[in-house]
Amino acid sequence: MEQVYEFIGNHPVLSGAFIIVLIAWLGWEIARLGRKWRELDSLAAVRLMNQDDAVVIDVSSSTDFAKGHIVGAVNLTPSRIESGNKELLKLRERPILVYCKNGQSSPAVANKLVALGFTQVNVLAGGLTQWLNDQQPISRAKGSGKPKDRGGKGKIKGGKKKKRDQAGDRQTQASHAKGADSGAEPSESSPATDKSTI
């Protein structure tokens, strides 16, 4: 025990930092045990949605919601979750899964839902960012997000498709002119004349 006192006396800053971290950690654990909602990982959230028919609430902005959200989620910003929202209050007895973009604002919303009388409130740990990292599916609003790259075919960006179409038309014209000179018909499977490959 004397060695502990000697260490504290020789390293007061290090000892003080350790005590502060210990107190903060204990406070966090006590607060976590006292909260009325559960934090779920992606797998447990999928299980909750599939087995218990949970209501999934995305508390992100409408712009973030349009960029991508969990399939079947409802977009309710924190300002819309209030005691006067009658549609929301009808769901008090159903399991609720709340998430946001990265898990920062959903715990506050979960606390608000618990205060409104919701009994089965759950928060997605890490939010949509963790959901995507776990390779879970999302849904996007039409016209939002990035177009999917399909191996370079059909790209509009940079005008590559347009240039390829123009090059193909020139090849077709050249082969037709050559065929007219030699009396041969252009081949049906020729990439220059087969428009299904473009």
Protein backbone atom coordinates (compact mmCIF):
# COMPACT_ATOMS: atom_id res chain seq x y z
CA MET A 1 0.00 0.00 0.00
CA GLU A 2 2.94 2.30 0.67
CA GLN A 3 4.01 1.84 -2.95
CA VAL A 4 0.63 3.18 -4.13
CA TYR A 5 1.03 6.33 -2.04
CA GLU A 6 4.59 6.71 -3.25
CA PHE A 7 3.46 6.35 -6.88
CA ILE A 8 0.69 8.95 -6.38
CA GLY A 9 3.19 11.30 -4.74
CA ASN A 10 5.68 10.88 -7.60
CA HIS A 11 3.05 11.13 -10.39
CA PRO A 12 0.23 13.44 -9.25
CA VAL A 13 -0.89 14.43 -12.79
CA LEU A 14 -1.08 10.84 -13.99
CA SER A 15 -2.86 9.75 -10.81
CA GLY A 16 -5.34 12.65 -11.08
CA ALA A 17 -6.09 11.83 -14.73
CA PHE A 18 -6.71 8.20 -13.79
CA ILE A 19 -9.15 9.20 -11.05
CA ILE A 20 -11.03 11.56 -13.40
CA VAL A 21 -11.35 8.87 -16.08
CA LEU A 22 -12.48 6.34 -13.48
CA ILE A 23 -15.19 8.70 -12.17
CA ALA A 24 -16.36 9.53 -15.70
CA TRP A 25 -16.54 5.85 -16.63
CA LEU A 26 -18.51 5.00 -13.47
CA GLY A 27 -20.89 7.90 -14.14
CA TRP A 28 -21.43 6.72 -17.73
CA GLU A 29 -22.17 3.15 -16.61
CA ILE A 30 -24.61 4.30 -13.93
CA ALA A 31 -26.40 6.52 -16.45
CA ARG A 32 -26.50 3.66 -18.97
CA LEU A 33 -28.06 1.32 -16.42
CA GLY A 34 -30.63 3.95 -15.46
CA ARG A 35 -31.92 4.71 -18.96
CA LYS A 36 -35.23 3.27 -20.10
CA TRP A 37 -34.19 2.35 -23.66
CA ARG A 38 -31.85 -0.25 -25.14
CA GLU A 39 -29.02 0.18 -27.61
CA LEU A 40 -28.97 -2.46 -30.37
CA ASP A 41 -26.39 -3.45 -32.95
CA SER A 42 -27.42 -4.01 -36.58
CA LEU A 43 -28.09 -7.73 -36.16
CA ALA A 44 -30.32 -7.22 -33.12
CA ALA A 45 -32.12 -4.38 -34.93
CA VAL A 46 -32.86 -6.65 -37.92
CA ARG A 47 -34.16 -9.29 -35.53
CA LEU A 48 -36.39 -6.71 -33.83
CA MET A 49 -37.78 -5.49 -37.17
CA ASN A 50 -38.44 -9.00 -38.49
CA GLN A 51 -39.77 -10.72 -35.38
CA ASP A 52 -41.47 -7.94 -33.44
CA ASP A 53 -42.67 -5.73 -36.33
CA ALA A 54 -40.91 -2.67 -34.92
CA VAL A 55 -41.65 0.86 -36.07
CA VAL A 56 -38.41 2.28 -37.49
CA ILE A 57 -37.98 6.03 -37.00
CA ASP A 58 -35.25 7.98 -38.77
CA VAL A 59 -34.63 11.28 -36.95
CA SER A 60 -32.23 12.62 -39.59
CA SER A 61 -33.00 15.66 -41.73
CA SER A 62 -35.27 15.13 -44.72
CA THR A 63 -32.26 15.61 -47.02
CA ASP A 64 -30.29 12.83 -45.29
CA PHE A 65 -33.41 10.66 -45.28
CA ALA A 66 -33.75 11.07 -49.06
CA LYS A 67 -30.09 10.12 -49.56
CA GLY A 68 -30.65 6.80 -47.83
CA HIS A 69 -32.63 5.21 -45.01
CA ILE A 70 -33.50 1.81 -43.61
CA VAL A 71 -36.21 0.14 -45.67
CA GLY A 72 -39.62 0.92 -44.16
CA ALA A 73 -38.37 3.76 -41.96
CA VAL A 74 -40.47 6.83 -41.20
CA ASN A 75 -38.76 10.22 -41.19
CA LEU A 76 -39.58 12.21 -38.04
CA THR A 77 -37.26 15.05 -37.13
CA PRO A 78 -36.73 15.62 -33.38
CA SER A 79 -38.93 18.73 -33.52
CA ARG A 80 -41.89 16.63 -34.79
CA ILE A 81 -41.68 14.22 -31.86
CA GLU A 82 -43.80 15.93 -29.30
CA SER A 83 -46.77 15.15 -27.08
CA GLY A 84 -49.28 16.54 -29.60
CA ASN A 85 -48.36 14.12 -32.40
CA LYS A 86 -51.42 11.84 -32.27
CA GLU A 87 -50.23 9.47 -35.00
CA LEU A 88 -47.03 8.82 -33.08
CA LEU A 89 -48.81 8.37 -29.76
CA LYS A 90 -50.89 5.54 -31.23
CA LEU A 91 -47.68 3.49 -31.44
CA ARG A 92 -46.84 3.61 -27.71
CA GLU A 93 -47.12 -0.13 -27.15
CA ARG A 94 -45.22 -1.22 -30.28
CA PRO A 95 -41.44 -1.68 -30.36
CA ILE A 96 -39.67 1.42 -31.68
CA LEU A 97 -36.24 1.54 -33.33
CA VAL A 98 -34.79 5.05 -33.48
CA TYR A 99 -31.72 5.96 -35.49
CA CYS A 100 -30.00 8.97 -37.02
CA LYS A 101 -27.07 9.44 -39.38
CA ASN A 102 -24.30 8.48 -36.95
CA GLY A 103 -25.93 7.78 -33.58
CA GLN A 104 -25.43 11.22 -32.01
CA SER A 105 -28.98 12.61 -31.81
CA SER A 106 -31.04 9.40 -31.55
CA PRO A 107 -30.40 8.87 -27.78
CA ALA A 108 -31.94 12.27 -27.00
CA VAL A 109 -34.98 11.38 -29.12
CA ALA A 110 -35.20 8.00 -27.35
CA ASN A 111 -35.30 9.82 -24.00
CA LYS A 112 -38.07 12.05 -25.35
CA LEU A 113 -40.07 9.01 -26.49
CA VAL A 114 -39.68 7.36 -23.08
CA ALA A 115 -40.94 10.58 -21.45
CA LEU A 116 -44.00 10.41 -23.75
CA GLY A 117 -44.83 6.96 -22.41
CA PHE A 118 -43.28 4.65 -24.99
CA THR A 119 -42.33 1.36 -23.34
CA GLN A 120 -40.19 -0.46 -25.93
CA VAL A 121 -37.71 2.11 -27.25
CA ASN A 122 -34.50 0.95 -28.93
CA VAL A 123 -31.63 2.92 -30.49
CA LEU A 124 -29.49 1.68 -33.38
CA ALA A 125 -25.88 1.85 -32.17
CA GLY A 126 -23.76 3.88 -34.59
CA GLY A 127 -26.78 5.00 -36.60
CA LEU A 128 -27.06 4.63 -40.36
CA THR A 129 -23.29 4.83 -40.74
CA GLN A 130 -22.83 1.61 -38.75
CA TRP A 131 -25.79 0.04 -40.55
CA LEU A 132 -24.04 0.65 -43.89
CA ASN A 133 -20.70 -0.57 -42.51
CA ASP A 134 -22.46 -3.81 -41.56
CA GLN A 135 -23.61 -4.05 -45.20
CA GLN A 136 -27.31 -3.85 -44.44
CA PRO A 137 -29.75 -2.69 -47.16
CA ILE A 138 -31.04 0.84 -47.48
CA SER A 139 -33.65 2.56 -49.58
CA ARG A 140 -33.20 5.83 -51.45
CA ALA A 141 -35.76 8.35 -52.62
CA LYS A 142 -36.13 8.51 -56.39
CA GLY A 143 -33.69 10.93 -57.99
CA SER A 144 -31.34 11.05 -55.01
CA GLY A 145 -28.01 9.45 -54.34
CA LYS A 146 -25.41 8.38 -56.84
CA PRO A 147 -26.34 6.47 -59.97
CA LYS A 148 -25.03 2.93 -59.90
CA ASP A 149 -22.02 2.23 -62.10
CA ARG A 150 -22.75 -0.74 -64.32
CA GLY A 151 -19.28 -1.45 -65.64
CA GLY A 152 -18.97 1.83 -67.50
CA LYS A 153 -22.02 1.24 -69.73
CA GLY A 154 -24.60 3.96 -69.81
CA LYS A 155 -22.52 6.55 -67.99
CA ILE A 156 -23.60 10.09 -68.63
CA LYS A 157 -20.89 11.72 -66.57
CA GLY A 158 -18.13 13.19 -68.71
CA GLY A 159 -19.98 12.51 -71.95
CA LYS A 160 -18.40 9.07 -72.45
CA LYS A 161 -21.62 7.48 -73.71
CA LYS A 162 -22.25 10.29 -76.16
CA LYS A 163 -18.70 10.03 -77.53
CA ARG A 164 -19.03 6.26 -77.83
CA ASP A 165 -22.36 6.64 -79.69
CA GLN A 166 -20.79 9.14 -82.09
CA ALA A 167 -17.81 6.85 -82.68
CA GLY A 168 -20.16 3.92 -83.33
CA ASP A 169 -22.21 5.99 -85.79
CA ARG A 170 -19.04 6.94 -87.70
CA GLN A 171 -18.00 3.28 -87.83
CA THR A 172 -21.47 2.31 -89.07
CA GLN A 173 -21.35 4.99 -91.77
CA ALA A 174 -17.87 3.91 -92.78
CA SER A 175 -18.85 0.22 -92.95
CA HIS A 176 -21.97 1.07 -94.95
CA ALA A 177 -19.86 3.08 -97.38
CA LYS A 178 -17.31 0.25 -97.62
CA GLY A 179 -20.10 -2.29 -98.08
CA ALA A 180 -21.63 -0.20 -100.85
CA ASP A 181 -18.25 -0.13 -102.61
CA SER A 182 -17.58 -3.87 -102.27
CA GLY A 183 -21.18 -5.01 -102.59
CA ALA A 184 -21.11 -6.74 -99.15
CA GLU A 185 -23.71 -6.19 -96.44
CA PRO A 186 -22.51 -5.18 -92.96
CA SER A 187 -22.55 -8.01 -90.43
CA GLU A 188 -25.55 -8.17 -88.05
CA SER A 189 -23.36 -8.97 -85.06
CA SER A 190 -20.93 -6.17 -85.71
CA PRO A 191 -20.48 -3.97 -82.63
CA ALA A 192 -20.81 -0.94 -84.86
CA THR A 193 -24.32 -1.88 -85.91
CA ASP A 194 -25.50 -3.78 -82.81
CA LYS A 195 -27.06 -1.05 -80.67
CA SER A 196 -27.93 -3.44 -77.80
CA THR A 197 -24.32 -3.37 -76.55
CA ILE A 198 -24.35 0.37 -76.01
